Amino acid sequence: MSSLLKLSVALLISGAAVGAFAQQKLVPAQSEIVFVSKQMGVGVEGHFKKFDAQVNFDAAKLDASKVSFTVDMASATLGAPETDAELPKPTWFSTAKFPQATFVSSSIKALGGGKFDVAGKLSIKGQVRDVVVPVAMVQTGPTTVATGVLPIKRLAFKIGEGEWADTSMVADDVQVKFKFSLTGVGKL
């Protein structure tokens, strides 16, 4: 039930920030968004099956670079039918009212060595928060892989309301881990 994050999502995901503007594309089959939390002290991992990213990144022109992503919240799975059936409900992701989580970058800062901080707004379940997503990028041939982990607090996004707001049952801390494989990114 640690259905959180998106990520972010969160996301983290925004970590899709990578380089050279023309025709940069996400390769979904080689990408993933995972969320990890603890339920009653036991680690629980889930993932989102559907997400997309729009990337316009140039390492030489970070001020003009932009990254955004959307996550289909109804695509969340913890791998068990009974818990997966709970995730779309209003207590957790409320997917009928909030079908997508989004991240939109506002700035990208180079840290050196293929590492970047991507600042922006993460929106989950109608709650919008400013986040900074640490992203590491590696290029191999025509593919650039952007990875990172974004810690979020699920209750800040109203994930797990009512009796599930008790953090002794489901921890407030959630890690949103992402790996985005991208094509069309210029040299970092």
Protein backbone atom coordinates (compact mmCIF):
# COMPACT_ATOMS: atom_id res chain seq x y z
CA MET A 1 0.00 0.00 0.00
CA SER A 2 2.96 2.23 0.02
CA SER A 3 1.66 3.52 -3.14
CA LEU A 4 3.24 6.78 -3.30
CA LEU A 5 5.29 8.78 -5.27
CA LYS A 6 5.32 9.17 -8.68
CA LEU A 7 7.55 10.87 -8.95
CA SER A 8 7.41 11.61 -9.12
CA VAL A 9 7.86 10.76 -9.31
CA ALA A 10 8.62 11.64 -9.05
CA LEU A 11 10.13 12.17 -10.26
CA LEU A 12 12.27 12.19 -10.76
CA ILE A 13 11.73 11.22 -13.45
CA SER A 14 12.45 14.61 -14.40
CA GLY A 15 15.83 13.23 -14.28
CA ALA A 16 15.17 12.70 -17.89
CA ALA A 17 17.05 15.90 -18.27
CA VAL A 18 19.65 15.17 -20.88
CA GLY A 19 21.38 16.74 -23.84
CA ALA A 20 20.86 18.32 -27.41
CA PHE A 21 17.50 19.59 -28.45
CA ALA A 22 16.49 17.80 -31.63
CA GLN A 23 14.28 14.75 -31.43
CA GLN A 24 15.09 13.56 -27.97
CA LYS A 25 12.94 10.56 -27.15
CA LEU A 26 12.22 8.36 -24.17
CA VAL A 27 12.67 4.63 -24.80
CA PRO A 28 9.90 3.20 -22.56
CA ALA A 29 10.98 -0.44 -22.84
CA GLN A 30 14.36 0.49 -21.33
CA SER A 31 13.02 2.93 -18.73
CA GLU A 32 11.37 2.56 -15.34
CA ILE A 33 9.88 4.39 -12.37
CA VAL A 34 9.89 2.50 -9.07
CA PHE A 35 8.58 3.56 -5.67
CA VAL A 36 9.86 2.07 -2.43
CA SER A 37 8.42 2.49 1.05
CA LYS A 38 7.92 0.49 4.22
CA GLN A 39 4.71 -1.07 5.47
CA MET A 40 4.90 -2.15 9.10
CA GLY A 41 8.69 -1.95 8.85
CA VAL A 42 8.94 -4.18 5.77
CA GLY A 43 10.19 -2.78 2.48
CA VAL A 44 7.58 -2.66 -0.28
CA GLU A 45 8.41 -1.93 -3.92
CA GLY A 46 6.05 -1.00 -6.70
CA HIS A 47 6.33 0.55 -10.13
CA PHE A 48 4.42 2.51 -12.72
CA LYS A 49 3.83 0.74 -16.01
CA LYS A 50 2.91 3.84 -18.05
CA PHE A 51 4.76 7.16 -18.17
CA ASP A 52 6.18 9.57 -20.70
CA ALA A 53 8.80 12.31 -20.76
CA GLN A 54 9.36 15.33 -22.96
CA VAL A 55 13.02 16.29 -23.03
CA ASN A 56 14.71 19.32 -24.57
CA PHE A 57 18.16 19.23 -23.06
CA ASP A 58 21.46 20.73 -24.13
CA ALA A 59 24.33 20.57 -21.64
CA ALA A 60 25.77 23.73 -23.24
CA LYS A 61 22.46 25.61 -22.90
CA LEU A 62 21.00 24.60 -19.55
CA ASP A 63 19.01 27.85 -19.25
CA ALA A 64 17.01 26.86 -22.35
CA SER A 65 16.71 23.18 -21.40
CA LYS A 66 13.38 21.77 -20.20
CA VAL A 67 12.21 18.41 -18.90
CA SER A 68 8.71 17.28 -18.10
CA PHE A 69 7.07 13.96 -17.45
CA THR A 70 3.68 12.48 -16.85
CA VAL A 71 2.88 9.29 -14.98
CA ASP A 72 -0.34 7.35 -15.44
CA MET A 73 -1.28 6.81 -11.79
CA ALA A 74 -3.67 3.98 -12.62
CA SER A 75 -0.68 2.02 -13.95
CA ALA A 76 0.79 1.64 -10.43
CA THR A 77 1.35 -1.92 -9.28
CA LEU A 78 2.68 -3.51 -6.14
CA GLY A 79 2.45 -6.93 -7.77
CA ALA A 80 -0.54 -8.28 -5.83
CA PRO A 81 -4.10 -8.02 -7.20
CA GLU A 82 -5.66 -7.15 -3.82
CA THR A 83 -3.30 -4.24 -3.12
CA ASP A 84 -3.30 -3.11 -6.75
CA ALA A 85 -7.10 -2.80 -6.51
CA GLU A 86 -6.67 -0.38 -3.59
CA LEU A 87 -4.19 2.00 -5.25
CA PRO A 88 -6.68 3.79 -7.57
CA LYS A 89 -9.12 4.50 -4.70
CA PRO A 90 -9.50 8.02 -3.22
CA THR A 91 -7.55 7.09 -0.07
CA TRP A 92 -4.42 6.39 -2.11
CA PHE A 93 -3.99 7.79 -5.65
CA SER A 94 -7.61 8.81 -6.42
CA THR A 95 -7.00 8.09 -10.10
CA ALA A 96 -10.54 8.95 -11.22
CA LYS A 97 -10.01 12.53 -10.02
CA PHE A 98 -6.21 12.72 -10.50
CA PRO A 99 -5.27 10.39 -13.37
CA GLN A 100 -1.73 11.73 -13.79
CA ALA A 101 1.21 12.89 -11.75
CA THR A 102 3.42 15.44 -13.44
CA PHE A 103 6.82 17.04 -13.12
CA VAL A 104 7.83 20.21 -14.97
CA SER A 105 11.37 21.55 -14.65
CA SER A 106 12.09 25.19 -13.87
CA SER A 107 15.91 25.02 -13.89
CA ILE A 108 18.78 22.60 -14.43
CA LYS A 109 22.12 22.98 -12.69
CA ALA A 110 25.27 21.13 -13.76
CA LEU A 111 27.23 19.58 -10.90
CA GLY A 112 30.01 18.06 -13.01
CA GLY A 113 30.76 14.48 -13.98
CA GLY A 114 27.43 13.94 -15.73
CA LYS A 115 25.45 14.96 -12.63
CA PHE A 116 22.70 17.54 -12.55
CA ASP A 117 20.13 18.97 -10.15
CA VAL A 118 16.80 19.43 -11.87
CA ALA A 119 14.47 21.79 -9.98
CA GLY A 120 10.77 21.94 -10.72
CA LYS A 121 7.22 21.32 -9.62
CA LEU A 122 5.97 17.83 -8.80
CA SER A 123 2.20 17.39 -8.80
CA ILE A 124 0.59 14.28 -7.33
CA LYS A 125 -3.06 13.94 -6.37
CA GLY A 126 -3.66 17.68 -6.77
CA GLN A 127 -0.80 18.61 -4.43
CA VAL A 128 2.05 20.61 -5.96
CA ARG A 129 5.49 20.76 -4.36
CA ASP A 130 8.82 22.27 -5.37
CA VAL A 131 11.46 19.54 -5.62
CA VAL A 132 15.05 19.18 -6.70
CA VAL A 133 15.76 15.92 -8.49
CA PRO A 134 19.36 14.70 -8.51
CA VAL A 135 20.14 13.11 -11.87
CA ALA A 136 23.18 11.18 -13.08
CA MET A 137 23.58 10.76 -16.83
CA VAL A 138 25.71 8.29 -18.76
CA GLN A 139 26.03 8.06 -22.54
CA THR A 140 26.74 4.82 -24.37
CA GLY A 141 26.58 5.11 -28.14
CA PRO A 142 23.27 6.68 -29.19
CA THR A 143 21.65 6.11 -25.77
CA THR A 144 21.76 8.36 -22.74
CA VAL A 145 20.59 6.91 -19.44
CA ALA A 146 19.39 9.31 -16.74
CA THR A 147 19.02 7.83 -13.25
CA GLY A 148 18.17 9.17 -9.83
CA VAL A 149 16.31 8.81 -6.58
CA LEU A 150 13.85 11.39 -5.30
CA PRO A 151 12.78 11.09 -1.65
CA ILE A 152 9.27 12.35 -0.99
CA LYS A 153 6.83 12.40 1.92
CA ARG A 154 3.65 10.61 0.87
CA LEU A 155 1.45 12.59 3.27
CA ALA A 156 2.55 15.86 1.63
CA PHE A 157 0.75 14.53 -1.46
CA LYS A 158 -2.24 13.12 0.50
CA ILE A 159 -1.30 9.56 -0.41
CA GLY A 160 -2.74 7.20 2.21
CA GLU A 161 -5.41 9.28 3.87
CA GLY A 162 -7.68 8.47 6.80
CA GLU A 163 -6.56 5.45 8.81
CA TRP A 164 -3.60 5.06 6.41
CA ALA A 165 -2.15 8.41 7.52
CA ASP A 166 -0.76 6.50 10.51
CA THR A 167 2.94 6.33 9.70
CA SER A 168 3.45 3.34 12.02
CA MET A 169 1.53 1.30 9.43
CA VAL A 170 2.88 2.80 6.21
CA ALA A 171 5.98 5.00 6.46
CA ASP A 172 5.75 8.59 5.29
CA ASP A 173 9.11 8.35 3.53
CA VAL A 174 9.04 7.09 -0.03
CA GLN A 175 11.91 6.78 -2.49
CA VAL A 176 11.06 7.33 -6.13
CA LYS A 177 13.75 5.69 -8.25
CA PHE A 178 13.93 6.22 -11.97
CA LYS A 179 15.91 5.18 -14.98
CA PHE A 180 15.17 6.91 -18.27
CA SER A 181 16.77 5.71 -21.47
CA LEU A 182 16.85 8.47 -24.05
CA THR A 183 17.88 8.80 -27.66
CA GLY A 184 18.83 11.96 -29.52
CA VAL A 185 20.71 13.57 -26.65
CA GLY A 186 23.82 15.51 -27.61
CA LYS A 187 27.19 15.20 -25.95
CA LEU A 188 27.17 15.87 -22.21
